[in-house]
Protein backbone atom coordinates (compact mmCIF):
# COMPACT_ATOMS: atom_id res chain seq x y z
CA UNK A 1 124.80 63.46 -93.75
CA UNK A 2 123.92 66.55 -92.10
CA UNK A 3 121.86 67.45 -89.13
CA UNK A 4 121.63 70.38 -86.68
CA UNK A 5 124.79 69.89 -84.60
CA UNK A 6 125.86 73.71 -84.07
CA UNK A 7 124.73 76.61 -82.13
CA UNK A 8 124.36 78.82 -85.38
CA UNK A 9 122.27 76.13 -87.08
CA UNK A 10 120.02 75.82 -84.04
CA UNK A 11 119.50 79.75 -84.04
CA UNK A 12 118.74 79.84 -87.69
CA UNK A 13 116.23 76.80 -87.29
CA UNK A 14 114.33 78.86 -84.24
CA UNK A 15 114.31 81.94 -86.49
CA UNK A 16 112.83 80.17 -89.67
CA UNK A 17 110.35 78.70 -87.33
CA UNK A 18 108.19 81.75 -87.32
CA UNK A 19 107.99 82.18 -91.43
CA UNK A 20 106.01 79.00 -91.79
CA UNK A 21 104.28 79.01 -95.24
CA UNK A 22 101.17 76.84 -95.84
CA UNK A 23 100.98 74.23 -98.77
CA UNK A 24 98.37 72.31 -100.67
CA UNK A 25 98.37 68.71 -101.87
CA UNK A 26 95.95 68.44 -104.74
CA UNK A 27 95.08 65.08 -105.36
CA UNK A 28 92.50 62.93 -107.92
CA UNK A 29 92.00 59.48 -108.01
CA UNK A 30 92.24 57.40 -111.27
CA UNK A 31 88.64 56.17 -110.94
CA UNK A 32 87.64 59.83 -111.20
CA UNK A 33 90.28 60.55 -114.26
CA UNK A 34 88.12 58.27 -116.15
CA UNK A 35 85.39 60.62 -115.61
CA UNK A 36 87.07 63.64 -117.14
CA UNK A 37 86.06 65.26 -120.63
CA UNK A 38 89.12 64.38 -122.67
CA UNK A 39 88.30 66.85 -125.41
CA UNK A 40 88.88 69.63 -122.92
CA UNK A 41 92.19 68.24 -121.85
CA UNK A 42 93.23 67.67 -125.31
CA UNK A 43 92.92 71.37 -125.94
CA UNK A 44 94.97 72.57 -123.19
CA UNK A 45 97.54 69.65 -122.78
CA UNK A 46 97.84 68.01 -126.51
CA UNK A 47 101.41 66.85 -125.75
CA UNK A 48 100.64 65.28 -122.63
CA UNK A 49 97.49 63.59 -124.04
CA UNK A 50 99.81 61.94 -126.69
CA UNK A 51 102.19 60.83 -124.00
CA UNK A 52 99.36 59.22 -121.96
CA UNK A 53 98.41 57.42 -125.23
CA UNK A 54 101.57 55.80 -125.49
CA UNK A 55 101.18 54.19 -122.05
CA UNK A 56 100.61 50.23 -122.35
CA UNK A 57 98.38 49.87 -119.32
CA UNK A 58 95.08 52.07 -118.71
CA UNK A 59 96.45 52.84 -115.19
CA UNK A 60 99.65 54.38 -116.22
CA UNK A 61 97.50 56.24 -118.99
CA UNK A 62 95.07 57.56 -116.38
CA UNK A 63 98.08 58.72 -114.01
CA UNK A 64 99.62 60.58 -116.75
CA UNK A 65 96.05 62.63 -117.55
CA UNK A 66 95.62 63.15 -113.87
CA UNK A 67 98.95 64.87 -113.38
CA UNK A 68 97.97 67.23 -116.56
CA UNK A 69 94.52 68.02 -114.98
CA UNK A 70 95.89 68.79 -111.70
CA UNK A 71 98.28 71.31 -113.31
CA UNK A 72 95.16 72.94 -115.03
CA UNK A 73 93.31 73.00 -111.70
CA UNK A 74 95.75 73.62 -109.08
CA UNK A 75 97.97 76.09 -110.74
CA UNK A 76 95.80 77.58 -113.54
CA UNK A 77 97.86 76.52 -116.51
CA UNK A 78 95.86 76.81 -119.74
CA UNK A 79 98.75 76.29 -122.35
CA UNK A 80 101.29 73.27 -121.67
CA UNK A 81 103.75 75.53 -123.69
CA UNK A 82 104.44 77.45 -120.45
CA UNK A 83 106.04 74.30 -118.80
CA UNK A 84 109.91 73.91 -118.49
CA UNK A 85 111.84 71.06 -117.12
CA UNK A 86 115.12 71.60 -114.99
CA UNK A 87 118.39 69.66 -115.64
CA UNK A 88 117.01 66.56 -114.07
CA UNK A 89 113.36 66.89 -115.53
CA UNK A 90 111.85 68.65 -112.75
CA UNK A 91 108.96 70.66 -114.13
CA UNK A 92 108.30 74.32 -113.39
CA UNK A 93 106.09 77.09 -115.09
CA UNK A 94 107.67 80.67 -114.70
CA UNK A 95 105.17 82.97 -113.28
CA UNK A 96 103.16 80.29 -111.47
CA UNK A 97 103.55 78.79 -107.94
CA UNK A 98 106.25 76.30 -107.27
CA UNK A 99 104.76 72.55 -107.74
CA UNK A 100 105.86 68.99 -107.64
CA UNK A 101 104.14 65.82 -109.18
CA UNK A 102 103.77 62.44 -107.82
CA UNK A 103 101.72 59.47 -108.58
CA UNK A 104 101.35 55.50 -107.16
CA UNK A 105 98.58 52.94 -107.09
CA UNK A 106 95.27 55.08 -107.78
CA UNK A 107 96.29 58.52 -106.59
CA UNK A 108 98.23 61.44 -108.50
CA UNK A 109 98.90 64.42 -106.46
CA UNK A 110 100.33 67.91 -106.68
CA UNK A 111 102.02 69.74 -104.16
CA UNK A 112 101.96 73.48 -104.73
CA UNK A 113 102.56 76.63 -102.42
CA UNK A 114 104.37 80.02 -101.83
CA UNK A 115 107.73 78.35 -101.41
CA UNK A 116 110.44 78.49 -103.95
CA UNK A 117 111.39 74.98 -104.10
CA UNK A 118 109.05 72.06 -103.38
CA UNK A 119 108.93 68.29 -103.68
CA UNK A 120 106.22 65.59 -103.05
CA UNK A 121 106.15 61.70 -102.97
CA UNK A 122 103.25 59.43 -102.62
CA UNK A 123 103.78 55.62 -102.30
CA UNK A 124 101.45 52.86 -101.94
CA UNK A 125 102.46 50.77 -99.10
CA UNK A 126 103.48 47.45 -100.56
CA UNK A 127 105.57 45.22 -98.36
CA UNK A 128 107.22 43.51 -101.54
CA UNK A 129 108.84 46.97 -101.95
CA UNK A 130 111.02 46.51 -98.81
CA UNK A 131 113.94 44.46 -99.64
CA UNK A 132 115.79 47.50 -101.04
CA UNK A 133 116.06 49.24 -97.58
CA UNK A 134 119.69 48.18 -97.10
CA UNK A 135 120.67 49.80 -100.33
CA UNK A 136 118.85 53.15 -100.07
CA UNK A 137 118.83 53.89 -96.11
CA UNK A 138 121.54 54.50 -93.82
CA UNK A 139 122.46 52.30 -90.86
CA UNK A 140 120.87 54.61 -88.34
CA UNK A 141 117.74 54.67 -90.71
CA UNK A 142 117.55 51.17 -90.87
CA UNK A 143 117.82 50.87 -86.89
CA UNK A 144 114.85 53.78 -86.67
CA UNK A 145 112.87 51.52 -89.25
CA UNK A 146 113.06 48.29 -87.36
CA UNK A 147 110.57 49.57 -84.71
CA UNK A 148 107.65 49.73 -87.19
CA UNK A 149 109.09 48.28 -90.51
CA UNK A 150 106.15 48.80 -92.69
CA UNK A 151 105.20 52.27 -91.90
CA UNK A 152 108.79 53.51 -91.11
CA UNK A 153 110.08 52.11 -94.42
CA UNK A 154 107.29 54.27 -96.31
CA UNK A 155 107.95 56.86 -94.29
CA UNK A 156 111.86 57.14 -95.13
CA UNK A 157 111.03 56.78 -98.84
CA UNK A 158 108.91 59.46 -99.17
CA UNK A 159 110.89 61.94 -96.95
CA UNK A 160 113.84 61.08 -99.28
CA UNK A 161 111.94 60.94 -102.73
CA UNK A 162 110.36 64.47 -101.52
CA UNK A 163 113.93 65.89 -100.73
CA UNK A 164 115.03 64.70 -103.96
CA UNK A 165 112.18 66.46 -105.82
CA UNK A 166 112.51 69.57 -104.08
CA UNK A 167 116.27 70.20 -104.56
CA UNK A 168 115.74 69.40 -108.34
CA UNK A 169 118.28 66.82 -108.36
CA UNK A 170 116.10 63.92 -108.38
CA UNK A 171 117.81 60.56 -108.79
CA UNK A 172 121.32 62.00 -109.53
CA UNK A 173 120.88 62.66 -105.49
CA UNK A 174 121.68 58.94 -104.29
CA UNK A 175 119.18 58.35 -101.36
CA UNK A 176 121.74 56.52 -99.31
CA UNK A 177 124.14 59.64 -99.44
CA UNK A 178 121.81 61.90 -96.80
CA UNK A 179 120.06 61.07 -93.96
CA UNK A 180 116.28 62.16 -93.19
CA UNK A 181 116.24 61.16 -89.40
CA UNK A 182 115.73 64.71 -88.35
CA UNK A 183 112.32 64.92 -90.11
CA UNK A 184 111.14 62.37 -87.24
CA UNK A 185 111.94 64.88 -84.61
CA UNK A 186 110.01 67.80 -86.41
CA UNK A 187 113.98 69.17 -87.42
CA UNK A 188 115.19 70.22 -90.79
CA UNK A 189 117.80 68.50 -92.84
CA UNK A 190 120.84 70.42 -93.86
CA UNK A 191 121.74 69.90 -97.59
CA UNK A 192 123.32 71.93 -100.29
CA UNK A 193 123.88 74.54 -97.55
CA UNK A 194 120.28 75.31 -96.69
CA UNK A 195 117.61 73.57 -94.61
CA UNK A 196 114.91 71.28 -95.70
CA UNK A 197 111.37 70.92 -94.07
CA UNK A 198 109.16 68.15 -94.34
CA UNK A 199 105.82 67.14 -93.37
CA UNK A 200 103.88 63.94 -94.37
CA UNK A 201 100.83 61.73 -93.50
CA UNK A 202 99.16 58.26 -94.38
CA UNK A 203 96.06 57.71 -96.22
CA UNK A 204 94.11 54.47 -96.90
CA UNK A 205 97.29 52.44 -97.41
CA UNK A 206 99.43 55.10 -98.86
CA UNK A 207 102.23 57.34 -97.44
CA UNK A 208 102.91 60.69 -98.60
CA UNK A 209 105.42 63.93 -97.89
CA UNK A 210 106.13 67.14 -98.75
CA UNK A 211 109.36 68.98 -98.71
CA UNK A 212 110.46 72.42 -98.84
CA UNK A 213 113.48 75.09 -98.33
CA UNK A 214 111.16 77.16 -96.02
CA UNK A 215 109.35 75.85 -93.12
CA UNK A 216 105.91 74.32 -94.09
CA UNK A 217 102.81 75.46 -92.03
CA UNK A 218 99.44 73.98 -92.56
CA UNK A 219 99.32 71.16 -95.01
CA UNK A 220 96.23 70.96 -96.86
CA UNK A 221 94.80 67.66 -98.64
CA UNK A 222 92.44 68.86 -101.54
CA UNK A 223 90.69 65.95 -103.46
CA UNK A 224 89.32 66.68 -106.62
CA UNK A 225 85.81 65.15 -107.27
CA UNK A 226 84.25 67.65 -109.42
CA UNK A 227 85.56 68.18 -112.91
CA UNK A 228 85.45 71.65 -114.72
CA UNK A 229 87.79 72.00 -117.42
């Protein structure tokens, strides 16, 4: 667990504040995924469409399709063969903006921007998930969560998942091994010998966060409601 604890780190933090870069979160609801022209998607993302067909439940199929559609609209990908995957499964596309995907409930989201490393997480705020808190949060995080259990549980959760995605480590980075409380004060978290920055918000019963190793300026939320392919 690392925080800003020395004068050098504080100096670097102040310097990096001056170079903030904006980020966009593109989003689509499952109800709107149903309205998509599937034939157009099958031409551009045939493997993803085959993957979607293998899901048992419609919601999972729609979220899978929605992720493909966001890559087309947000990044301009017209052929899924450009996609590559890191050692822990994080997708990237050489020559395109860095991006990260997440989905929960009715939302599928994609965060992208000029940053080199990006992570995003969105979670539907359901209290029946909260019993895992002692296994994934540190004692200080649990104490911070106690003041507003539901909201802070999901803020911590999305902060941690966005960090895990941004680093490219995914679940190989155990959530209880690092602390994200500096984000609550607008400070970076130090991990892997670099600073990680986060922004986030709440939306109709959902919590979401983005993370990058570069300071994040304006965070734009863009919901897709019209459907060109």
